[in-house]
Amino acid sequence: MMTGKMIRVRLKRYFAEQKQWVFIGTVLESTEHWLTIDGKAIVISKGHAQPIDIDQEPRVLMVPRENIAQIRILPHDFDISVIVTEIRGFRIFVKVKDAPDTAIGEYGGE
């Protein structure tokens, strides 16, 4: 059902100090227990001068479904080679062309 879809996956956080982790990419395989995604990770580190770290190159990641907090289906033509982020207040968004932007986390800066 998810195979071939472009998605944004936000992983669960289990403690307050844990970095926020998001993965954007195309679902290669979807099973009852796993999603295999070809895309890029975005890591958010609260309180840092450069809070957003985006993978330079795509990679394949197997994500256990039990670790997924949220999935957003993105337009099929979303370009992971150019991920643009924007901080609005205390929230961080990824710009999505011709669709609502997608929230990826909170910014705990100054």
N, C-alpha and C. Protein backbone atom coordinates (compact mmCIF):
# COMPACT_ATOMS: atom_id res chain seq x y z
N MET A 1 0.81 -1.20 0.00
CA MET A 1 0.00 0.00 0.00
C MET A 1 0.86 1.27 0.00
N MET A 2 1.97 1.25 0.70
CA MET A 2 2.84 2.42 0.77
C MET A 2 3.94 2.39 -0.30
N THR A 3 4.19 1.24 -0.88
CA THR A 3 5.29 1.10 -1.83
C THR A 3 5.15 2.11 -2.97
N GLY A 4 6.27 2.81 -3.25
CA GLY A 4 6.30 3.79 -4.32
C GLY A 4 5.90 5.19 -3.89
N LYS A 5 5.37 5.36 -2.70
CA LYS A 5 4.94 6.68 -2.22
C LYS A 5 6.14 7.47 -1.69
N MET A 6 6.11 8.77 -1.91
CA MET A 6 7.08 9.69 -1.31
C MET A 6 6.50 10.09 0.05
N ILE A 7 7.28 9.89 1.11
CA ILE A 7 6.77 10.15 2.45
C ILE A 7 7.76 10.91 3.32
N ARG A 8 7.22 11.49 4.39
CA ARG A 8 8.02 12.05 5.47
C ARG A 8 7.66 11.24 6.71
N VAL A 9 8.66 10.63 7.32
CA VAL A 9 8.45 9.82 8.52
C VAL A 9 9.10 10.53 9.70
N ARG A 10 8.34 10.75 10.75
CA ARG A 10 8.90 11.29 11.99
C ARG A 10 8.98 10.13 12.97
N LEU A 11 10.19 9.91 13.52
CA LEU A 11 10.38 8.82 14.46
C LEU A 11 10.02 9.25 15.87
N LYS A 12 9.63 8.27 16.69
CA LYS A 12 9.30 8.54 18.09
C LYS A 12 10.53 8.99 18.85
N ARG A 13 10.28 9.80 19.86
CA ARG A 13 11.33 10.19 20.80
C ARG A 13 10.96 9.57 22.14
N TYR A 14 11.94 8.98 22.79
CA TYR A 14 11.66 8.26 24.02
C TYR A 14 12.11 9.02 25.27
N PHE A 15 12.85 10.12 25.11
CA PHE A 15 13.24 10.96 26.24
C PHE A 15 13.51 12.37 25.71
N ALA A 16 13.39 13.36 26.59
CA ALA A 16 13.43 14.78 26.18
C ALA A 16 14.72 15.18 25.48
N GLU A 17 15.85 14.62 25.89
CA GLU A 17 17.14 15.02 25.33
C GLU A 17 17.44 14.36 23.98
N GLN A 18 16.62 13.41 23.58
CA GLN A 18 16.85 12.68 22.33
C GLN A 18 16.65 13.62 21.13
N LYS A 19 17.55 13.52 20.17
CA LYS A 19 17.42 14.33 18.96
C LYS A 19 16.19 13.90 18.17
N GLN A 20 15.57 14.87 17.51
CA GLN A 20 14.43 14.56 16.65
C GLN A 20 14.96 14.04 15.33
N TRP A 21 14.35 12.98 14.85
CA TRP A 21 14.82 12.32 13.65
C TRP A 21 13.68 12.19 12.67
N VAL A 22 13.90 12.64 11.43
CA VAL A 22 12.91 12.59 10.36
C VAL A 22 13.58 11.98 9.14
N PHE A 23 12.81 11.23 8.35
CA PHE A 23 13.34 10.66 7.12
C PHE A 23 12.36 10.97 6.00
N ILE A 24 12.87 11.49 4.88
CA ILE A 24 12.04 11.81 3.71
C ILE A 24 12.56 10.99 2.54
N GLY A 25 11.65 10.26 1.88
CA GLY A 25 12.07 9.48 0.74
C GLY A 25 10.95 8.64 0.16
N THR A 26 11.33 7.76 -0.75
CA THR A 26 10.39 6.89 -1.43
C THR A 26 10.38 5.52 -0.77
N VAL A 27 9.19 5.00 -0.52
CA VAL A 27 9.05 3.68 0.09
C VAL A 27 9.39 2.61 -0.96
N LEU A 28 10.42 1.82 -0.66
CA LEU A 28 10.80 0.72 -1.55
C LEU A 28 10.01 -0.54 -1.23
N GLU A 29 9.75 -0.74 0.07
CA GLU A 29 9.02 -1.93 0.50
C GLU A 29 8.28 -1.61 1.79
N SER A 30 7.09 -2.17 1.92
CA SER A 30 6.27 -1.96 3.10
C SER A 30 5.77 -3.31 3.59
N THR A 31 6.10 -3.64 4.85
CA THR A 31 5.61 -4.88 5.44
C THR A 31 4.86 -4.54 6.72
N GLU A 32 4.36 -5.55 7.37
CA GLU A 32 3.64 -5.36 8.62
C GLU A 32 4.54 -4.74 9.70
N HIS A 33 5.85 -5.02 9.64
CA HIS A 33 6.75 -4.59 10.70
C HIS A 33 7.78 -3.53 10.28
N TRP A 34 7.99 -3.34 8.98
CA TRP A 34 9.07 -2.46 8.51
C TRP A 34 8.62 -1.62 7.32
N LEU A 35 9.27 -0.44 7.19
CA LEU A 35 9.24 0.33 5.95
C LEU A 35 10.68 0.45 5.48
N THR A 36 10.93 0.13 4.23
CA THR A 36 12.25 0.33 3.65
C THR A 36 12.12 1.56 2.76
N ILE A 37 12.95 2.59 3.08
CA ILE A 37 12.82 3.89 2.43
C ILE A 37 14.15 4.31 1.83
N ASP A 38 14.12 4.82 0.60
CA ASP A 38 15.29 5.39 -0.06
C ASP A 38 15.14 6.90 0.02
N GLY A 39 15.98 7.55 0.83
CA GLY A 39 15.83 8.99 0.99
C GLY A 39 16.91 9.60 1.85
N LYS A 40 16.55 10.69 2.53
CA LYS A 40 17.51 11.43 3.35
C LYS A 40 16.97 11.61 4.76
N ALA A 41 17.90 11.55 5.72
CA ALA A 41 17.55 11.81 7.11
C ALA A 41 17.75 13.28 7.43
N ILE A 42 16.92 13.77 8.33
CA ILE A 42 17.06 15.11 8.89
C ILE A 42 17.10 14.94 10.40
N VAL A 43 18.15 15.44 11.02
CA VAL A 43 18.29 15.34 12.47
C VAL A 43 18.22 16.76 13.04
N ILE A 44 17.39 16.92 14.08
CA ILE A 44 17.21 18.22 14.71
C ILE A 44 17.78 18.15 16.12
N SER A 45 18.72 19.04 16.40
CA SER A 45 19.36 19.11 17.71
C SER A 45 18.96 20.40 18.39
N LYS A 46 18.09 20.31 19.37
CA LYS A 46 17.61 21.51 20.06
C LYS A 46 18.76 22.23 20.76
N GLY A 47 18.71 23.56 20.70
CA GLY A 47 19.66 24.38 21.42
C GLY A 47 21.00 24.59 20.74
N HIS A 48 21.19 24.07 19.53
CA HIS A 48 22.44 24.27 18.80
C HIS A 48 22.32 25.43 17.82
N ALA A 49 23.44 26.06 17.51
CA ALA A 49 23.45 27.17 16.55
C ALA A 49 22.97 26.71 15.18
N GLN A 50 23.36 25.52 14.77
CA GLN A 50 22.91 24.91 13.51
C GLN A 50 22.08 23.67 13.88
N PRO A 51 20.78 23.86 14.16
CA PRO A 51 19.98 22.76 14.69
C PRO A 51 19.56 21.70 13.68
N ILE A 52 19.72 21.99 12.39
CA ILE A 52 19.21 21.09 11.35
C ILE A 52 20.36 20.48 10.57
N ASP A 53 20.43 19.15 10.55
CA ASP A 53 21.47 18.43 9.81
C ASP A 53 20.77 17.51 8.81
N ILE A 54 20.99 17.75 7.52
CA ILE A 54 20.35 16.96 6.45
C ILE A 54 21.42 16.14 5.75
N ASP A 55 21.15 14.85 5.54
CA ASP A 55 22.08 14.00 4.81
C ASP A 55 22.46 14.64 3.48
N GLN A 56 23.73 14.54 3.11
CA GLN A 56 24.19 15.05 1.81
C GLN A 56 23.74 14.13 0.67
N GLU A 57 23.77 12.83 0.91
CA GLU A 57 23.42 11.85 -0.12
C GLU A 57 22.27 10.96 0.37
N PRO A 58 21.44 10.50 -0.54
CA PRO A 58 20.37 9.57 -0.15
C PRO A 58 20.96 8.23 0.33
N ARG A 59 20.17 7.52 1.13
CA ARG A 59 20.55 6.19 1.60
C ARG A 59 19.28 5.39 1.80
N VAL A 60 19.44 4.08 1.91
CA VAL A 60 18.31 3.21 2.16
C VAL A 60 18.27 2.90 3.65
N LEU A 61 17.10 3.06 4.23
CA LEU A 61 16.92 2.85 5.66
C LEU A 61 15.71 1.96 5.88
N MET A 62 15.87 0.99 6.77
CA MET A 62 14.74 0.16 7.19
C MET A 62 14.27 0.69 8.54
N VAL A 63 13.01 1.12 8.59
CA VAL A 63 12.45 1.72 9.79
C VAL A 63 11.43 0.76 10.40
N PRO A 64 11.63 0.37 11.66
CA PRO A 64 10.61 -0.46 12.31
C PRO A 64 9.33 0.36 12.51
N ARG A 65 8.20 -0.20 12.14
CA ARG A 65 6.93 0.53 12.28
C ARG A 65 6.67 0.95 13.73
N GLU A 66 7.14 0.18 14.68
CA GLU A 66 6.91 0.52 16.09
C GLU A 66 7.65 1.79 16.51
N ASN A 67 8.65 2.23 15.73
CA ASN A 67 9.39 3.45 16.03
C ASN A 67 8.85 4.68 15.31
N ILE A 68 7.82 4.51 14.51
CA ILE A 68 7.27 5.61 13.73
C ILE A 68 6.20 6.35 14.53
N ALA A 69 6.40 7.66 14.68
CA ALA A 69 5.40 8.49 15.35
C ALA A 69 4.37 8.99 14.36
N GLN A 70 4.82 9.31 13.13
CA GLN A 70 3.92 9.92 12.16
C GLN A 70 4.45 9.73 10.74
N ILE A 71 3.53 9.55 9.79
CA ILE A 71 3.88 9.47 8.37
C ILE A 71 3.04 10.50 7.63
N ARG A 72 3.68 11.26 6.77
CA ARG A 72 2.95 12.18 5.89
C ARG A 72 3.29 11.81 4.46
N ILE A 73 2.28 11.61 3.64
CA ILE A 73 2.49 11.35 2.22
C ILE A 73 2.71 12.69 1.53
N LEU A 74 3.81 12.77 0.79
CA LEU A 74 4.18 13.98 0.07
C LEU A 74 3.86 13.83 -1.41
N PRO A 75 3.85 14.92 -2.15
CA PRO A 75 3.63 14.81 -3.60
C PRO A 75 4.70 13.91 -4.23
N HIS A 76 4.29 13.13 -5.22
CA HIS A 76 5.21 12.16 -5.85
C HIS A 76 6.43 12.84 -6.47
N ASP A 77 6.33 14.13 -6.79
CA ASP A 77 7.45 14.83 -7.43
C ASP A 77 8.31 15.62 -6.43
N PHE A 78 8.15 15.36 -5.13
CA PHE A 78 8.99 16.05 -4.14
C PHE A 78 10.44 15.70 -4.43
N ASP A 79 11.30 16.72 -4.47
CA ASP A 79 12.70 16.54 -4.85
C ASP A 79 13.58 16.49 -3.60
N ILE A 80 14.05 15.29 -3.24
CA ILE A 80 14.88 15.17 -2.03
C ILE A 80 16.29 15.71 -2.24
N SER A 81 16.65 16.04 -3.48
CA SER A 81 17.98 16.60 -3.70
C SER A 81 18.05 18.06 -3.25
N VAL A 82 16.87 18.68 -3.07
CA VAL A 82 16.82 20.08 -2.64
C VAL A 82 15.78 20.19 -1.51
N ILE A 83 16.18 19.83 -0.29
CA ILE A 83 15.29 19.94 0.86
C ILE A 83 15.52 21.31 1.49
N VAL A 84 14.45 22.11 1.51
CA VAL A 84 14.53 23.47 2.06
C VAL A 84 13.76 23.50 3.37
N THR A 85 14.44 23.94 4.44
CA THR A 85 13.78 24.04 5.74
C THR A 85 13.56 25.50 6.10
N GLU A 86 12.59 25.71 6.98
CA GLU A 86 12.26 27.06 7.43
C GLU A 86 11.84 26.99 8.89
N ILE A 87 12.37 27.89 9.71
CA ILE A 87 11.99 27.97 11.12
C ILE A 87 10.91 29.03 11.25
N ARG A 88 9.77 28.65 11.82
CA ARG A 88 8.67 29.58 12.08
C ARG A 88 8.35 29.50 13.56
N GLY A 89 8.71 30.53 14.28
CA GLY A 89 8.54 30.50 15.73
C GLY A 89 9.42 29.41 16.31
N PHE A 90 8.81 28.44 16.95
CA PHE A 90 9.56 27.33 17.54
C PHE A 90 9.44 26.04 16.74
N ARG A 91 8.86 26.11 15.54
CA ARG A 91 8.68 24.90 14.72
C ARG A 91 9.53 24.97 13.46
N ILE A 92 9.95 23.80 13.02
CA ILE A 92 10.75 23.68 11.80
C ILE A 92 9.91 22.96 10.75
N PHE A 93 9.90 23.52 9.55
CA PHE A 93 9.13 22.95 8.44
C PHE A 93 10.04 22.66 7.26
N VAL A 94 9.64 21.68 6.44
CA VAL A 94 10.24 21.46 5.13
C VAL A 94 9.25 22.02 4.12
N LYS A 95 9.75 22.85 3.21
CA LYS A 95 8.92 23.44 2.16
C LYS A 95 8.48 22.35 1.18
N VAL A 96 7.19 22.38 0.83
CA VAL A 96 6.63 21.42 -0.11
C VAL A 96 5.94 22.21 -1.22
N LYS A 97 6.44 22.06 -2.44
CA LYS A 97 5.89 22.79 -3.59
C LYS A 97 4.45 22.36 -3.85
N ASP A 98 3.58 23.35 -4.02
CA ASP A 98 2.17 23.14 -4.37
C ASP A 98 1.41 22.28 -3.37
N ALA A 99 1.83 22.32 -2.10
CA ALA A 99 1.14 21.58 -1.03
C ALA A 99 1.52 22.24 0.30
N PRO A 100 0.78 21.93 1.36
CA PRO A 100 1.16 22.48 2.66
C PRO A 100 2.56 22.00 3.05
N ASP A 101 3.33 22.89 3.68
CA ASP A 101 4.65 22.51 4.17
C ASP A 101 4.47 21.45 5.25
N THR A 102 5.52 20.68 5.50
CA THR A 102 5.43 19.61 6.49
C THR A 102 6.31 19.91 7.70
N ALA A 103 5.72 19.87 8.88
CA ALA A 103 6.45 20.11 10.12
C ALA A 103 7.36 18.93 10.40
N ILE A 104 8.59 19.22 10.80
CA ILE A 104 9.52 18.13 11.12
C ILE A 104 9.98 18.16 12.57
N GLY A 105 9.71 19.24 13.29
CA GLY A 105 10.13 19.26 14.68
C GLY A 105 10.06 20.65 15.27
N GLU A 106 10.61 20.75 16.47
CA GLU A 106 10.64 22.02 17.17
C GLU A 106 12.06 22.50 17.32
N TYR A 107 12.19 23.82 17.32
CA TYR A 107 13.50 24.46 17.45
C TYR A 107 13.59 25.05 18.85
N GLY A 108 14.61 24.66 19.57
CA GLY A 108 14.78 25.16 20.93
C GLY A 108 15.89 26.16 21.02
N GLY A 109 16.02 27.04 20.04
CA GLY A 109 17.11 28.02 20.00
C GLY A 109 16.90 29.13 21.02
N GLU A 110 17.71 30.16 20.86
CA GLU A 110 17.72 31.26 21.81
C GLU A 110 16.34 31.80 22.08
